[in-house]
Amino acid sequence: MAHDDDPPESLGAIDDDRLRLIFTWCHPALAEAARVALTLRLVGG
């Protein structure tokens, strides 16, 4: 197996609103019920 000594290239900022919302919904400042509801809304559509 080949070994690559070069460091990985930076991907830069992730520009995905859904990912940003998921991390926001996980914030402990939100009530647990609100976090669950928002997560289910995202998953369920």
Protein backbone atom coordinates (compact mmCIF):
# COMPACT_ATOMS: atom_id res chain seq x y z
CA MET A 1 0.00 0.00 0.00
CA ALA A 2 1.37 3.43 -0.93
CA HIS A 3 2.03 6.03 1.74
CA ASP A 4 1.29 9.69 1.06
CA ASP A 5 3.49 12.13 3.02
CA ASP A 6 1.63 15.23 1.78
CA PRO A 7 -0.77 16.85 4.27
CA PRO A 8 -4.43 16.76 3.25
CA GLU A 9 -5.76 19.83 1.46
CA SER A 10 -8.07 22.11 3.40
CA LEU A 11 -11.67 21.85 2.27
CA GLY A 12 -12.53 25.32 3.54
CA ALA A 13 -15.79 26.25 5.15
CA ILE A 14 -18.73 23.90 4.80
CA ASP A 15 -21.59 25.84 3.25
CA ASP A 16 -24.54 23.67 4.17
CA ASP A 17 -27.48 25.23 5.99
CA ARG A 18 -28.85 21.86 7.09
CA LEU A 19 -25.61 20.98 8.84
CA ARG A 20 -25.57 24.37 10.56
CA LEU A 21 -29.15 23.83 11.74
CA ILE A 22 -28.37 20.37 13.09
CA PHE A 23 -25.56 21.74 15.24
CA THR A 24 -27.77 24.62 16.38
CA TRP A 25 -30.53 22.21 17.37
CA CYS A 26 -28.07 20.23 19.51
CA HIS A 27 -27.29 23.30 21.63
CA PRO A 28 -28.09 22.69 25.30
CA ALA A 29 -29.80 26.10 25.60
CA LEU A 30 -32.79 24.64 23.74
CA ALA A 31 -35.27 22.57 25.69
CA GLU A 32 -35.03 18.84 25.02
CA ALA A 33 -38.56 18.73 23.61
CA ALA A 34 -37.70 21.47 21.11
CA ARG A 35 -34.51 19.68 20.05
CA VAL A 36 -36.41 16.44 19.48
CA ALA A 37 -39.17 18.17 17.53
CA LEU A 38 -36.74 20.02 15.27
CA THR A 39 -34.69 16.91 14.64
CA LEU A 40 -37.78 14.85 13.76
CA ARG A 41 -38.96 17.61 11.44
CA LEU A 42 -35.64 17.51 9.60
CA VAL A 43 -35.55 13.71 9.37
CA GLY A 44 -39.22 13.25 8.60
CA GLY A 45 -39.55 16.10 6.16
